Amino acid sequence: MPRMWWVVGVVVLAAIFSAYLGWTAQRVERLHLRAQSAERALDAHLMRRAAAAAVVAEQGDSVELYAAARLALDAEPGDRESAENDLTRQLQNVGLDPADPAARTLIASSRRVVLARQVHTDLVRDALSARRRVLVRVLGLTRRHPRPEYFDIVEPALPDLPPVVVPAPAHPPEGVLPTAPV
């Protein structure tokens, strides 16, 4: 009878260890997939920003900004960081009028780039942290995924957008009492 408890204990420990391995493998997989999707989202936002910068450059006859935007749009993956940094430097030298719709689009897309880069950086950090675990390295749980890389670009300093004012209706709907302005 005591021998049976050892067998049950070993089976329970093996089940716990295999559940932990499955959870760890699933977590590593999920982190790498999220890092890849964040990289694609960052790439899409960078493309939108470069396209918006090209539109602003065409409207303002800025040859340098247009050239930087075209380089960012046409850059190969290895040259992408430097092209985006050049575009950011050109954007900082251009005076943007927040009243202009094209400039508003550029400012908004630049803000989205900053946010997408922060999300991407956080997910890459988490994926790299998971890759450094001893059990993950020993079992080779990351061999199906390329090593995620950080995307280091200069964050743009752009003007604030003025708040959008929505006009109040001339007559409030039935049953709604008008409120005093704050």
C-alpha atoms as a PDB file:
ATOM      1  CA  MET A   1       0.000   0.000   0.000  1.00  0.00           C
ATOM      2  CA  PRO A   2       2.759   2.609   0.760  1.00  0.00           C
ATOM      3  CA  ARG A   3       4.265   1.914  -2.617  1.00  0.00           C
ATOM      4  CA  MET A   4       1.017   2.982  -4.302  1.00  0.00           C
ATOM      5  CA  TRP A   5       1.194   6.457  -2.670  1.00  0.00           C
ATOM      6  CA  TRP A   6       4.618   6.984  -4.200  1.00  0.00           C
ATOM      7  CA  VAL A   7       3.230   6.098  -7.615  1.00  0.00           C
ATOM      8  CA  VAL A   8       0.254   8.410  -7.141  1.00  0.00           C
ATOM      9  CA  GLY A   9       2.567  11.190  -5.940  1.00  0.00           C
ATOM     10  CA  VAL A  10       4.867  10.789  -8.938  1.00  0.00           C
ATOM     11  CA  VAL A  11       1.898  10.773 -11.336  1.00  0.00           C
ATOM     12  CA  VAL A  12       0.484  13.924  -9.715  1.00  0.00           C
ATOM     13  CA  LEU A  13       3.873  15.681  -9.899  1.00  0.00           C
ATOM     14  CA  ALA A  14       4.257  14.638 -13.544  1.00  0.00           C
ATOM     15  CA  ALA A  15       0.780  15.994 -14.317  1.00  0.00           C
ATOM     16  CA  ILE A  16       1.569  19.308 -12.589  1.00  0.00           C
ATOM     17  CA  PHE A  17       4.913  19.584 -14.395  1.00  0.00           C
ATOM     18  CA  SER A  18       3.355  18.812 -17.785  1.00  0.00           C
ATOM     19  CA  ALA A  19       0.583  21.374 -17.142  1.00  0.00           C
ATOM     20  CA  TYR A  20       3.248  23.950 -16.290  1.00  0.00           C
ATOM     21  CA  LEU A  21       5.161  23.084 -19.477  1.00  0.00           C
ATOM     22  CA  GLY A  22       2.001  23.437 -21.550  1.00  0.00           C
ATOM     23  CA  TRP A  23       1.181  26.782 -19.932  1.00  0.00           C
ATOM     24  CA  THR A  24       4.732  28.034 -20.493  1.00  0.00           C
ATOM     25  CA  ALA A  25       4.769  26.922 -24.135  1.00  0.00           C
ATOM     26  CA  GLN A  26       1.414  28.566 -24.739  1.00  0.00           C
ATOM     27  CA  ARG A  27       2.583  31.794 -23.074  1.00  0.00           C
ATOM     28  CA  VAL A  28       5.766  31.912 -25.162  1.00  0.00           C
ATOM     29  CA  GLU A  29       3.736  31.287 -28.314  1.00  0.00           C
ATOM     30  CA  ARG A  30       1.189  33.970 -27.425  1.00  0.00           C
ATOM     31  CA  LEU A  31       3.856  36.559 -26.561  1.00  0.00           C
ATOM     32  CA  HIS A  32       5.657  36.019 -29.852  1.00  0.00           C
ATOM     33  CA  LEU A  33       2.441  36.253 -31.853  1.00  0.00           C
ATOM     34  CA  ARG A  34       1.472  39.453 -30.050  1.00  0.00           C
ATOM     35  CA  ALA A  35       4.941  40.932 -30.682  1.00  0.00           C
ATOM     36  CA  GLN A  36       4.624  40.081 -34.378  1.00  0.00           C
ATOM     37  CA  SER A  37       1.186  41.652 -34.624  1.00  0.00           C
ATOM     38  CA  ALA A  38       2.432  44.754 -32.779  1.00  0.00           C
ATOM     39  CA  GLU A  39       5.277  44.978 -35.289  1.00  0.00           C
ATOM     40  CA  ARG A  40       2.796  44.841 -38.163  1.00  0.00           C
ATOM     41  CA  ALA A  41       0.620  47.488 -36.511  1.00  0.00           C
ATOM     42  CA  LEU A  42       3.641  49.741 -35.971  1.00  0.00           C
ATOM     43  CA  ASP A  43       4.627  49.270 -39.608  1.00  0.00           C
ATOM     44  CA  ALA A  44       1.116  50.234 -40.747  1.00  0.00           C
ATOM     45  CA  HIS A  45       1.134  53.369 -38.583  1.00  0.00           C
ATOM     46  CA  LEU A  46       4.577  54.328 -39.869  1.00  0.00           C
ATOM     47  CA  MET A  47       3.339  53.973 -43.448  1.00  0.00           C
ATOM     48  CA  ARG A  48       0.299  56.135 -42.710  1.00  0.00           C
ATOM     49  CA  ARG A  49       2.519  58.781 -41.128  1.00  0.00           C
ATOM     50  CA  ALA A  50       4.878  58.795 -44.113  1.00  0.00           C
ATOM     51  CA  ALA A  51       1.942  59.075 -46.522  1.00  0.00           C
ATOM     52  CA  ALA A  52       0.461  61.948 -44.495  1.00  0.00           C
ATOM     53  CA  ALA A  53       3.874  63.640 -44.428  1.00  0.00           C
ATOM     54  CA  ALA A  54       4.102  63.346 -48.219  1.00  0.00           C
ATOM     55  CA  VAL A  55       0.698  65.038 -48.552  1.00  0.00           C
ATOM     56  CA  VAL A  56       1.761  67.867 -46.211  1.00  0.00           C
ATOM     57  CA  ALA A  57       5.037  68.216 -48.110  1.00  0.00           C
ATOM     58  CA  GLU A  58       3.225  68.490 -51.438  1.00  0.00           C
ATOM     59  CA  GLN A  59       0.897  71.150 -50.070  1.00  0.00           C
ATOM     60  CA  GLY A  60       3.750  73.142 -48.527  1.00  0.00           C
ATOM     61  CA  ASP A  61       6.255  72.607 -51.361  1.00  0.00           C
ATOM     62  CA  SER A  62       8.804  71.129 -48.940  1.00  0.00           C
ATOM     63  CA  VAL A  63      11.199  69.083 -51.040  1.00  0.00           C
ATOM     64  CA  GLU A  64      13.199  67.790 -48.060  1.00  0.00           C
ATOM     65  CA  LEU A  65      10.096  66.569 -46.235  1.00  0.00           C
ATOM     66  CA  TYR A  66       8.759  64.929 -49.375  1.00  0.00           C
ATOM     67  CA  ALA A  67      12.085  63.170 -50.003  1.00  0.00           C
ATOM     68  CA  ALA A  68      12.208  61.928 -46.402  1.00  0.00           C
ATOM     69  CA  ALA A  69       8.601  60.707 -46.639  1.00  0.00           C
ATOM     70  CA  ARG A  70       9.320  58.853 -49.900  1.00  0.00           C
ATOM     71  CA  LEU A  71      12.444  57.277 -48.403  1.00  0.00           C
ATOM     72  CA  ALA A  72      10.431  56.119 -45.398  1.00  0.00           C
ATOM     73  CA  LEU A  73       7.743  54.661 -47.658  1.00  0.00           C
ATOM     74  CA  ASP A  74      10.269  52.868 -49.890  1.00  0.00           C
ATOM     75  CA  ALA A  75      12.792  51.788 -47.218  1.00  0.00           C
ATOM     76  CA  GLU A  76      13.912  48.201 -46.956  1.00  0.00           C
ATOM     77  CA  PRO A  77      13.520  46.530 -43.534  1.00  0.00           C
ATOM     78  CA  GLY A  78      17.202  47.018 -42.647  1.00  0.00           C
ATOM     79  CA  ASP A  79      17.144  50.732 -43.469  1.00  0.00           C
ATOM     80  CA  ARG A  80      13.725  51.433 -42.002  1.00  0.00           C
ATOM     81  CA  GLU A  81      14.830  52.854 -38.634  1.00  0.00           C
ATOM     82  CA  SER A  82      17.174  55.417 -40.157  1.00  0.00           C
ATOM     83  CA  ALA A  83      14.591  56.444 -42.771  1.00  0.00           C
ATOM     84  CA  GLU A  84      11.940  56.934 -40.077  1.00  0.00           C
ATOM     85  CA  ASN A  85      14.393  58.926 -37.944  1.00  0.00           C
ATOM     86  CA  ASP A  86      15.151  61.177 -40.934  1.00  0.00           C
ATOM     87  CA  LEU A  87      11.436  61.694 -41.472  1.00  0.00           C
ATOM     88  CA  THR A  88      10.966  62.580 -37.797  1.00  0.00           C
ATOM     89  CA  ARG A  89      13.783  65.133 -37.975  1.00  0.00           C
ATOM     90  CA  GLN A  90      12.225  66.688 -41.074  1.00  0.00           C
ATOM     91  CA  LEU A  91       8.834  66.822 -39.358  1.00  0.00           C
ATOM     92  CA  GLN A  92      10.356  68.674 -36.420  1.00  0.00           C
ATOM     93  CA  ASN A  93      11.736  71.319 -38.795  1.00  0.00           C
ATOM     94  CA  VAL A  94       8.386  71.920 -40.500  1.00  0.00           C
ATOM     95  CA  GLY A  95       5.855  74.275 -38.986  1.00  0.00           C
ATOM     96  CA  LEU A  96       2.496  72.526 -38.916  1.00  0.00           C
ATOM     97  CA  ASP A  97      -0.769  74.436 -38.744  1.00  0.00           C
ATOM     98  CA  PRO A  98      -3.242  72.438 -36.624  1.00  0.00           C
ATOM     99  CA  ALA A  99      -6.111  74.091 -38.506  1.00  0.00           C
ATOM    100  CA  ASP A 100      -5.017  72.416 -41.774  1.00  0.00           C
ATOM    101  CA  PRO A 101      -6.768  69.014 -42.232  1.00  0.00           C
ATOM    102  CA  ALA A 102      -3.661  67.406 -43.753  1.00  0.00           C
ATOM    103  CA  ALA A 103      -1.536  68.632 -40.846  1.00  0.00           C
ATOM    104  CA  ARG A 104      -4.140  67.357 -38.386  1.00  0.00           C
ATOM    105  CA  THR A 105      -3.969  63.955 -40.051  1.00  0.00           C
ATOM    106  CA  LEU A 106      -0.180  64.000 -39.835  1.00  0.00           C
ATOM    107  CA  ILE A 107      -0.211  64.992 -36.167  1.00  0.00           C
ATOM    108  CA  ALA A 108      -2.772  62.313 -35.321  1.00  0.00           C
ATOM    109  CA  SER A 109      -0.873  59.622 -37.215  1.00  0.00           C
ATOM    110  CA  SER A 110       2.365  60.647 -35.487  1.00  0.00           C
ATOM    111  CA  ARG A 111       0.664  60.230 -32.123  1.00  0.00           C
ATOM    112  CA  ARG A 112      -0.510  56.785 -33.168  1.00  0.00           C
ATOM    113  CA  VAL A 113       3.066  55.908 -34.149  1.00  0.00           C
ATOM    114  CA  VAL A 114       4.262  56.844 -30.664  1.00  0.00           C
ATOM    115  CA  LEU A 115       1.579  54.699 -29.050  1.00  0.00           C
ATOM    116  CA  ALA A 116       2.161  51.752 -31.402  1.00  0.00           C
ATOM    117  CA  ARG A 117       5.899  51.934 -30.729  1.00  0.00           C
ATOM    118  CA  GLN A 118       5.321  51.852 -26.966  1.00  0.00           C
ATOM    119  CA  VAL A 119       3.063  48.807 -27.294  1.00  0.00           C
ATOM    120  CA  HIS A 120       5.584  47.110 -29.579  1.00  0.00           C
ATOM    121  CA  THR A 121       8.451  47.826 -27.179  1.00  0.00           C
ATOM    122  CA  ASP A 122       6.508  46.405 -24.226  1.00  0.00           C
ATOM    123  CA  LEU A 123       5.607  43.223 -26.096  1.00  0.00           C
ATOM    124  CA  VAL A 124       9.144  42.711 -27.387  1.00  0.00           C
ATOM    125  CA  ARG A 125      10.480  43.144 -23.851  1.00  0.00           C
ATOM    126  CA  ASP A 126       8.003  40.544 -22.552  1.00  0.00           C
ATOM    127  CA  ALA A 127       8.809  38.082 -25.351  1.00  0.00           C
ATOM    128  CA  LEU A 128      12.544  38.455 -24.795  1.00  0.00           C
ATOM    129  CA  SER A 129      12.038  37.969 -21.070  1.00  0.00           C
ATOM    130  CA  ALA A 130      10.142  34.744 -21.730  1.00  0.00           C
ATOM    131  CA  ARG A 131      12.909  33.575 -24.082  1.00  0.00           C
ATOM    132  CA  ARG A 132      15.530  34.009 -21.342  1.00  0.00           C
ATOM    133  CA  ARG A 133      13.888  31.515 -18.988  1.00  0.00           C
ATOM    134  CA  VAL A 134      15.983  28.407 -18.461  1.00  0.00           C
ATOM    135  CA  LEU A 135      13.194  25.934 -19.149  1.00  0.00           C
ATOM    136  CA  VAL A 136      12.247  27.713 -22.390  1.00  0.00           C
ATOM    137  CA  ARG A 137      15.859  27.668 -23.593  1.00  0.00           C
ATOM    138  CA  VAL A 138      16.474  24.042 -22.585  1.00  0.00           C
ATOM    139  CA  LEU A 139      13.340  22.756 -24.307  1.00  0.00           C
ATOM    140  CA  GLY A 140      13.731  25.046 -27.346  1.00  0.00           C
ATOM    141  CA  LEU A 141      10.206  26.440 -27.115  1.00  0.00           C
ATOM    142  CA  THR A 142      11.151  29.465 -29.231  1.00  0.00           C
ATOM    143  CA  ARG A 143      12.702  27.701 -32.200  1.00  0.00           C
ATOM    144  CA  ARG A 144       9.585  28.294 -34.331  1.00  0.00           C
ATOM    145  CA  HIS A 145       9.692  32.061 -33.850  1.00  0.00           C
ATOM    146  CA  PRO A 146      12.308  34.594 -34.901  1.00  0.00           C
ATOM    147  CA  ARG A 147      13.783  36.670 -32.111  1.00  0.00           C
ATOM    148  CA  PRO A 148      11.728  39.879 -31.771  1.00  0.00           C
ATOM    149  CA  GLU A 149      13.692  43.096 -32.224  1.00  0.00           C
ATOM    150  CA  TYR A 150      13.140  46.558 -30.837  1.00  0.00           C
ATOM    151  CA  PHE A 151      12.344  49.381 -33.275  1.00  0.00           C
ATOM    152  CA  ASP A 152      14.229  52.448 -32.067  1.00  0.00           C
ATOM    153  CA  ILE A 153      13.080  55.726 -33.540  1.00  0.00           C
ATOM    154  CA  VAL A 154      13.067  59.279 -32.295  1.00  0.00           C
ATOM    155  CA  GLU A 155       9.701  60.282 -30.903  1.00  0.00           C
ATOM    156  CA  PRO A 156       8.267  63.302 -32.705  1.00  0.00           C
ATOM    157  CA  ALA A 157       7.459  66.481 -30.817  1.00  0.00           C
ATOM    158  CA  LEU A 158       4.384  67.864 -32.541  1.00  0.00           C
ATOM    159  CA  PRO A 159       1.955  70.652 -31.630  1.00  0.00           C
ATOM    160  CA  ASP A 160      -1.192  69.888 -29.677  1.00  0.00           C
ATOM    161  CA  LEU A 161      -4.401  69.589 -31.604  1.00  0.00           C
ATOM    162  CA  PRO A 162      -7.064  72.109 -30.622  1.00  0.00           C
ATOM    163  CA  PRO A 163     -10.142  70.509 -29.092  1.00  0.00           C
ATOM    164  CA  VAL A 164     -12.959  69.717 -31.466  1.00  0.00           C
ATOM    165  CA  VAL A 165     -16.003  71.833 -30.618  1.00  0.00           C
ATOM    166  CA  VAL A 166     -19.326  70.179 -31.300  1.00  0.00           C
ATOM    167  CA  PRO A 167     -22.119  72.744 -31.608  1.00  0.00           C
ATOM    168  CA  ALA A 168     -25.080  72.261 -29.291  1.00  0.00           C
ATOM    169  CA  PRO A 169     -28.430  71.595 -30.942  1.00  0.00           C
ATOM    170  CA  ALA A 170     -30.633  74.653 -31.358  1.00  0.00           C
ATOM    171  CA  HIS A 171     -33.532  73.023 -29.542  1.00  0.00           C
ATOM    172  CA  PRO A 172     -33.016  70.231 -27.015  1.00  0.00           C
ATOM    173  CA  PRO A 173     -34.913  67.002 -27.720  1.00  0.00           C
ATOM    174  CA  GLU A 174     -38.284  66.479 -26.045  1.00  0.00           C
ATOM    175  CA  GLY A 175     -38.007  65.615 -22.364  1.00  0.00           C
ATOM    176  CA  VAL A 176     -34.397  66.776 -21.985  1.00  0.00           C
ATOM    177  CA  LEU A 177     -33.756  69.797 -19.825  1.00  0.00           C
ATOM    178  CA  PRO A 178     -31.071  72.200 -21.028  1.00  0.00           C
ATOM    179  CA  THR A 179     -27.985  72.354 -18.824  1.00  0.00           C
ATOM    180  CA  ALA A 180     -26.049  75.399 -17.788  1.00  0.00           C
ATOM    181  CA  PRO A 181     -22.638  75.853 -19.424  1.00  0.00           C
ATOM    182  CA  VAL A 182     -19.737  74.836 -17.237  1.00  0.00           C
END
